[in-house]
Amino acid sequence: MANKILVIDDTTVVRVKVREMLPQGNFEVLEAKDGLEGYNLILNEKVSLIMLDFILPKMSGWEVFQKIQSQSELKKIPLVIMSGRKEEVTEKIPEPFEYFEFLNKPFDKRQLISAIKSAMDKASKKGNTDTAPPIVIAPKQEPVAVKPVMETSSSAADIDALNAKIVKMQAEIDNLKKQLTQVVTFIKQKIK
């Protein structure tokens, strides 16, 4: 019997891409287009691995993750969380990710296989203990207002903060360009 891999992602391209990247004959791929549908499949199917997008309609990946973690049988299932924006994951779940693997979108076949192997390894370590420690949510730190000593130091700090934001935004733009290129390539291959 093939292992069942559940891919929960609202993007059809990602679900198809995962299906095509997996070795033929070894896996039965189940697909869900939103968190609610995915969670119902987790409850009703005996899945061997869950690939979970973090941003989903109807029930977010974060909510699905919390439901999985609240049930001892479900949290034994290897889990790969996927997202193009890792900071949204680390905002809710601090690193290092001990009980699941993170896969940054876009990804290639090597990265996918590596993430699956790592998730299975982490799950087997988790399975050796009766219960995994609870996930600790990192408190969001509020910015502290600091009164500037000199007006120029405040302006320099503002400029530095803006420059840091620009660098971060440029990295996100580059990542989106890479994703777009992969989508276009995928579509061109399907048209042929």
C-alpha atoms as a PDB file:
ATOM      1  CA  MET A   1       0.000   0.000   0.000  1.00  0.00           C
ATOM      2  CA  ALA A   2       1.328   3.448  -0.907  1.00  0.00           C
ATOM      3  CA  ASN A   3       1.987   6.021   1.757  1.00  0.00           C
ATOM      4  CA  LYS A   4      -0.574   8.834   1.761  1.00  0.00           C
ATOM      5  CA  ILE A   5       0.815  12.333   1.555  1.00  0.00           C
ATOM      6  CA  LEU A   6      -1.640  15.133   2.197  1.00  0.00           C
ATOM      7  CA  VAL A   7      -0.819  18.416   0.460  1.00  0.00           C
ATOM      8  CA  ILE A   8      -2.824  21.312   1.881  1.00  0.00           C
ATOM      9  CA  ASP A   9      -2.284  24.379  -0.306  1.00  0.00           C
ATOM     10  CA  ASP A  10      -4.704  26.833  -1.896  1.00  0.00           C
ATOM     11  CA  THR A  11      -2.526  27.021  -5.032  1.00  0.00           C
ATOM     12  CA  THR A  12      -3.187  24.288  -7.592  1.00  0.00           C
ATOM     13  CA  VAL A  13       0.290  24.754  -9.087  1.00  0.00           C
ATOM     14  CA  VAL A  14       1.960  23.871  -5.770  1.00  0.00           C
ATOM     15  CA  ARG A  15      -0.217  20.787  -5.263  1.00  0.00           C
ATOM     16  CA  VAL A  16       0.489  19.538  -8.798  1.00  0.00           C
ATOM     17  CA  LYS A  17       4.192  20.374  -8.458  1.00  0.00           C
ATOM     18  CA  VAL A  18       4.498  18.278  -5.274  1.00  0.00           C
ATOM     19  CA  ARG A  19       2.642  15.379  -6.922  1.00  0.00           C
ATOM     20  CA  GLU A  20       4.980  15.470  -9.943  1.00  0.00           C
ATOM     21  CA  MET A  21       8.171  15.762  -7.874  1.00  0.00           C
ATOM     22  CA  LEU A  22       7.480  12.699  -5.722  1.00  0.00           C
ATOM     23  CA  PRO A  23       8.870   9.342  -6.899  1.00  0.00           C
ATOM     24  CA  GLN A  24       6.230   7.459  -8.914  1.00  0.00           C
ATOM     25  CA  GLY A  25       4.435   4.553  -7.257  1.00  0.00           C
ATOM     26  CA  ASN A  26       5.623   5.232  -3.725  1.00  0.00           C
ATOM     27  CA  PHE A  27       2.982   7.755  -2.679  1.00  0.00           C
ATOM     28  CA  GLU A  28      -0.705   8.409  -2.946  1.00  0.00           C
ATOM     29  CA  VAL A  29      -1.119  12.176  -2.917  1.00  0.00           C
ATOM     30  CA  LEU A  30      -4.266  13.616  -1.362  1.00  0.00           C
ATOM     31  CA  GLU A  31      -4.982  17.291  -1.992  1.00  0.00           C
ATOM     32  CA  ALA A  32      -6.863  19.962  -0.087  1.00  0.00           C
ATOM     33  CA  LYS A  33      -7.386  23.532  -1.269  1.00  0.00           C
ATOM     34  CA  ASP A  34      -8.070  25.068   2.149  1.00  0.00           C
ATOM     35  CA  GLY A  35      -7.341  24.436   5.815  1.00  0.00           C
ATOM     36  CA  LEU A  36     -10.792  23.127   6.709  1.00  0.00           C
ATOM     37  CA  GLU A  37     -10.799  20.542   3.909  1.00  0.00           C
ATOM     38  CA  GLY A  38      -7.233  19.567   4.845  1.00  0.00           C
ATOM     39  CA  TYR A  39      -8.027  19.146   8.530  1.00  0.00           C
ATOM     40  CA  ASN A  40     -11.031  16.949   7.681  1.00  0.00           C
ATOM     41  CA  LEU A  41      -8.777  14.751   5.517  1.00  0.00           C
ATOM     42  CA  ILE A  42      -6.283  14.494   8.397  1.00  0.00           C
ATOM     43  CA  LEU A  43      -9.101  13.241  10.636  1.00  0.00           C
ATOM     44  CA  ASN A  44     -10.645  10.853   8.083  1.00  0.00           C
ATOM     45  CA  GLU A  45      -7.632   9.434   6.211  1.00  0.00           C
ATOM     46  CA  LYS A  46      -4.596   7.625   7.582  1.00  0.00           C
ATOM     47  CA  VAL A  47      -1.935   9.975   6.237  1.00  0.00           C
ATOM     48  CA  SER A  48       1.791   9.304   6.453  1.00  0.00           C
ATOM     49  CA  LEU A  49       2.887  12.912   5.922  1.00  0.00           C
ATOM     50  CA  ILE A  50       1.257  16.349   5.942  1.00  0.00           C
ATOM     51  CA  MET A  51       2.500  19.210   3.764  1.00  0.00           C
ATOM     52  CA  LEU A  52       0.813  22.341   5.083  1.00  0.00           C
ATOM     53  CA  ASP A  53       0.781  25.818   3.573  1.00  0.00           C
ATOM     54  CA  PHE A  54       0.782  28.399   6.356  1.00  0.00           C
ATOM     55  CA  ILE A  55      -1.587  30.877   4.714  1.00  0.00           C
ATOM     56  CA  LEU A  56      -4.878  29.238   3.750  1.00  0.00           C
ATOM     57  CA  PRO A  57      -8.539  30.185   3.361  1.00  0.00           C
ATOM     58  CA  LYS A  58     -11.329  28.937   5.686  1.00  0.00           C
ATOM     59  CA  MET A  59      -8.861  27.700   8.342  1.00  0.00           C
ATOM     60  CA  SER A  60      -5.298  29.026   8.347  1.00  0.00           C
ATOM     61  CA  GLY A  61      -2.259  26.766   8.378  1.00  0.00           C
ATOM     62  CA  TRP A  62      -1.548  28.118  11.870  1.00  0.00           C
ATOM     63  CA  GLU A  63      -4.997  26.947  13.066  1.00  0.00           C
ATOM     64  CA  VAL A  64      -4.527  23.524  11.443  1.00  0.00           C
ATOM     65  CA  PHE A  65      -1.091  23.271  13.090  1.00  0.00           C
ATOM     66  CA  GLN A  66      -2.588  24.087  16.512  1.00  0.00           C
ATOM     67  CA  LYS A  67      -5.292  21.429  16.067  1.00  0.00           C
ATOM     68  CA  ILE A  68      -2.668  18.860  15.064  1.00  0.00           C
ATOM     69  CA  GLN A  69      -0.527  19.728  18.088  1.00  0.00           C
ATOM     70  CA  SER A  70      -3.487  19.433  20.457  1.00  0.00           C
ATOM     71  CA  GLN A  71      -4.055  15.745  19.621  1.00  0.00           C
ATOM     72  CA  SER A  72      -1.387  13.220  20.587  1.00  0.00           C
ATOM     73  CA  GLU A  73      -2.076  10.858  17.655  1.00  0.00           C
ATOM     74  CA  LEU A  74      -2.004  13.650  15.064  1.00  0.00           C
ATOM     75  CA  LYS A  75       1.195  15.254  16.261  1.00  0.00           C
ATOM     76  CA  LYS A  76       3.066  11.997  15.549  1.00  0.00           C
ATOM     77  CA  ILE A  77       2.448  12.493  11.797  1.00  0.00           C
ATOM     78  CA  PRO A  78       5.495  13.971  10.003  1.00  0.00           C
ATOM     79  CA  LEU A  79       4.765  17.581   9.061  1.00  0.00           C
ATOM     80  CA  VAL A  80       6.269  19.962   6.508  1.00  0.00           C
ATOM     81  CA  ILE A  81       5.118  23.573   6.767  1.00  0.00           C
ATOM     82  CA  MET A  82       5.440  25.472   3.487  1.00  0.00           C
ATOM     83  CA  SER A  83       5.509  29.220   3.022  1.00  0.00           C
ATOM     84  CA  GLY A  84       7.081  31.862   0.843  1.00  0.00           C
ATOM     85  CA  ARG A  85       7.335  34.093   3.907  1.00  0.00           C
ATOM     86  CA  LYS A  86       9.201  32.354   6.701  1.00  0.00           C
ATOM     87  CA  GLU A  87       8.814  35.361   9.011  1.00  0.00           C
ATOM     88  CA  GLU A  88       5.055  34.713   9.198  1.00  0.00           C
ATOM     89  CA  VAL A  89       5.795  31.233  10.530  1.00  0.00           C
ATOM     90  CA  THR A  90       8.515  32.322  12.963  1.00  0.00           C
ATOM     91  CA  GLU A  91       6.213  35.064  14.262  1.00  0.00           C
ATOM     92  CA  LYS A  92       3.960  32.326  15.666  1.00  0.00           C
ATOM     93  CA  ILE A  93       6.387  29.401  16.082  1.00  0.00           C
ATOM     94  CA  PRO A  94       9.953  30.249  17.178  1.00  0.00           C
ATOM     95  CA  GLU A  95      12.956  28.528  15.626  1.00  0.00           C
ATOM     96  CA  PRO A  96      14.521  26.025  15.777  1.00  0.00           C
ATOM     97  CA  PHE A  97      11.644  23.968  14.417  1.00  0.00           C
ATOM     98  CA  GLU A  98      12.030  20.750  16.417  1.00  0.00           C
ATOM     99  CA  TYR A  99       8.816  18.935  15.533  1.00  0.00           C
ATOM    100  CA  PHE A 100       8.269  19.811  11.881  1.00  0.00           C
ATOM    101  CA  GLU A 101      10.291  20.794   8.849  1.00  0.00           C
ATOM    102  CA  PHE A 102       9.996  24.160   7.123  1.00  0.00           C
ATOM    103  CA  LEU A 103      10.069  24.331   3.301  1.00  0.00           C
ATOM    104  CA  ASN A 104      10.524  27.751   1.744  1.00  0.00           C
ATOM    105  CA  LYS A 105       8.531  28.407  -1.427  1.00  0.00           C
ATOM    106  CA  PRO A 106       9.432  28.154  -4.226  1.00  0.00           C
ATOM    107  CA  PHE A 107      11.278  24.843  -3.912  1.00  0.00           C
ATOM    108  CA  ASP A 108      12.815  22.240  -6.185  1.00  0.00           C
ATOM    109  CA  LYS A 109      12.650  18.435  -6.085  1.00  0.00           C
ATOM    110  CA  ARG A 110      15.849  18.101  -4.030  1.00  0.00           C
ATOM    111  CA  GLN A 111      14.554  20.562  -1.405  1.00  0.00           C
ATOM    112  CA  LEU A 112      11.170  18.786  -1.288  1.00  0.00           C
ATOM    113  CA  ILE A 113      12.697  15.324  -0.767  1.00  0.00           C
ATOM    114  CA  SER A 114      15.116  16.699   1.828  1.00  0.00           C
ATOM    115  CA  ALA A 115      12.259  18.383   3.744  1.00  0.00           C
ATOM    116  CA  ILE A 116      10.198  15.174   3.715  1.00  0.00           C
ATOM    117  CA  LYS A 117      13.132  13.111   5.015  1.00  0.00           C
ATOM    118  CA  SER A 118      13.851  15.682   7.723  1.00  0.00           C
ATOM    119  CA  ALA A 119      10.167  15.809   8.781  1.00  0.00           C
ATOM    120  CA  MET A 120      10.099  12.015   9.053  1.00  0.00           C
ATOM    121  CA  ASP A 121      13.298  12.052  11.089  1.00  0.00           C
ATOM    122  CA  LYS A 122      11.917  14.702  13.450  1.00  0.00           C
ATOM    123  CA  ALA A 123       8.649  12.785  13.811  1.00  0.00           C
ATOM    124  CA  SER A 124      10.472   9.562  14.652  1.00  0.00           C
ATOM    125  CA  LYS A 125      12.437  11.361  17.372  1.00  0.00           C
ATOM    126  CA  LYS A 126       9.200  12.861  18.640  1.00  0.00           C
ATOM    127  CA  GLY A 127       7.616   9.395  18.585  1.00  0.00           C
ATOM    128  CA  ASN A 128      10.318   8.065  20.920  1.00  0.00           C
ATOM    129  CA  THR A 129       8.964  10.248  23.694  1.00  0.00           C
ATOM    130  CA  ASP A 130       5.437   9.765  24.932  1.00  0.00           C
ATOM    131  CA  THR A 131       4.517  13.384  24.435  1.00  0.00           C
ATOM    132  CA  ALA A 132       6.244  16.161  22.623  1.00  0.00           C
ATOM    133  CA  PRO A 133       6.806  19.311  24.610  1.00  0.00           C
ATOM    134  CA  PRO A 134       4.160  21.926  23.922  1.00  0.00           C
ATOM    135  CA  ILE A 135       4.870  24.576  21.327  1.00  0.00           C
ATOM    136  CA  VAL A 136       5.845  27.795  23.012  1.00  0.00           C
ATOM    137  CA  ILE A 137       4.632  30.883  21.220  1.00  0.00           C
ATOM    138  CA  ALA A 138       7.200  33.626  21.218  1.00  0.00           C
ATOM    139  CA  PRO A 139       5.712  36.790  22.678  1.00  0.00           C
ATOM    140  CA  LYS A 140       5.569  39.646  20.252  1.00  0.00           C
ATOM    141  CA  GLN A 141       7.900  42.338  21.453  1.00  0.00           C
ATOM    142  CA  GLU A 142       6.490  45.825  21.436  1.00  0.00           C
ATOM    143  CA  PRO A 143       8.819  48.533  20.222  1.00  0.00           C
ATOM    144  CA  VAL A 144      10.262  50.638  23.005  1.00  0.00           C
ATOM    145  CA  ALA A 145      10.111  54.398  22.560  1.00  0.00           C
ATOM    146  CA  VAL A 146      13.561  55.862  23.073  1.00  0.00           C
ATOM    147  CA  LYS A 147      13.966  59.567  23.383  1.00  0.00           C
ATOM    148  CA  PRO A 148      16.750  60.645  21.025  1.00  0.00           C
ATOM    149  CA  VAL A 149      19.724  62.413  22.545  1.00  0.00           C
ATOM    150  CA  MET A 150      20.191  64.455  19.406  1.00  0.00           C
ATOM    151  CA  GLU A 151      17.779  65.015  16.571  1.00  0.00           C
ATOM    152  CA  THR A 152      20.361  63.837  14.003  1.00  0.00           C
ATOM    153  CA  SER A 153      20.764  60.456  15.699  1.00  0.00           C
ATOM    154  CA  SER A 154      17.007  59.939  15.417  1.00  0.00           C
ATOM    155  CA  SER A 155      17.122  60.714  11.703  1.00  0.00           C
ATOM    156  CA  ALA A 156      20.078  58.369  11.204  1.00  0.00           C
ATOM    157  CA  ALA A 157      18.239  55.613  13.065  1.00  0.00           C
ATOM    158  CA  ASP A 158      15.137  56.200  10.934  1.00  0.00           C
ATOM    159  CA  ILE A 159      17.229  55.997   7.771  1.00  0.00           C
ATOM    160  CA  ASP A 160      18.881  52.781   8.961  1.00  0.00           C
ATOM    161  CA  ALA A 161      15.468  51.275   9.767  1.00  0.00           C
ATOM    162  CA  LEU A 162      14.122  52.254   6.342  1.00  0.00           C
ATOM    163  CA  ASN A 163      17.198  50.826   4.614  1.00  0.00           C
ATOM    164  CA  ALA A 164      16.699  47.543   6.488  1.00  0.00           C
ATOM    165  CA  LYS A 165      13.054  47.461   5.349  1.00  0.00           C
ATOM    166  CA  ILE A 166      14.135  48.118   1.759  1.00  0.00           C
ATOM    167  CA  VAL A 167      16.585  45.198   1.884  1.00  0.00           C
ATOM    168  CA  LYS A 168      13.876  42.917   3.309  1.00  0.00           C
ATOM    169  CA  MET A 169      11.341  44.030   0.697  1.00  0.00           C
ATOM    170  CA  GLN A 170      13.855  43.521  -2.110  1.00  0.00           C
ATOM    171  CA  ALA A 171      14.458  39.959  -0.900  1.00  0.00           C
ATOM    172  CA  GLU A 172      10.695  39.340  -0.945  1.00  0.00           C
ATOM    173  CA  ILE A 173      10.452  40.816  -4.465  1.00  0.00           C
ATOM    174  CA  ASP A 174      13.298  38.572  -5.649  1.00  0.00           C
ATOM    175  CA  ASN A 175      11.553  35.563  -4.112  1.00  0.00           C
ATOM    176  CA  LEU A 176       8.268  36.462  -5.847  1.00  0.00           C
ATOM    177  CA  LYS A 177      10.088  36.876  -9.175  1.00  0.00           C
ATOM    178  CA  LYS A 178      11.592  33.407  -8.711  1.00  0.00           C
ATOM    179  CA  GLN A 179       8.149  31.952  -7.943  1.00  0.00           C
ATOM    180  CA  LEU A 180       6.670  33.656 -11.007  1.00  0.00           C
ATOM    181  CA  THR A 181       9.448  32.258 -13.213  1.00  0.00           C
ATOM    182  CA  GLN A 182       8.755  28.751 -11.893  1.00  0.00           C
ATOM    183  CA  VAL A 183       5.011  29.136 -12.504  1.00  0.00           C
ATOM    184  CA  VAL A 184       5.596  30.362 -16.061  1.00  0.00           C
ATOM    185  CA  THR A 185       8.013  27.472 -16.724  1.00  0.00           C
ATOM    186  CA  PHE A 186       5.506  25.003 -15.303  1.00  0.00           C
ATOM    187  CA  ILE A 187       2.699  26.403 -17.465  1.00  0.00           C
ATOM    188  CA  LYS A 188       4.883  26.326 -20.585  1.00  0.00           C
ATOM    189  CA  GLN A 189       5.706  22.655 -19.900  1.00  0.00           C
ATOM    190  CA  LYS A 190       2.023  21.823 -19.525  1.00  0.00           C
ATOM    191  CA  ILE A 191       1.118  23.647 -22.767  1.00  0.00           C
ATOM    192  CA  LYS A 192       3.647  21.655 -24.833  1.00  0.00           C
END
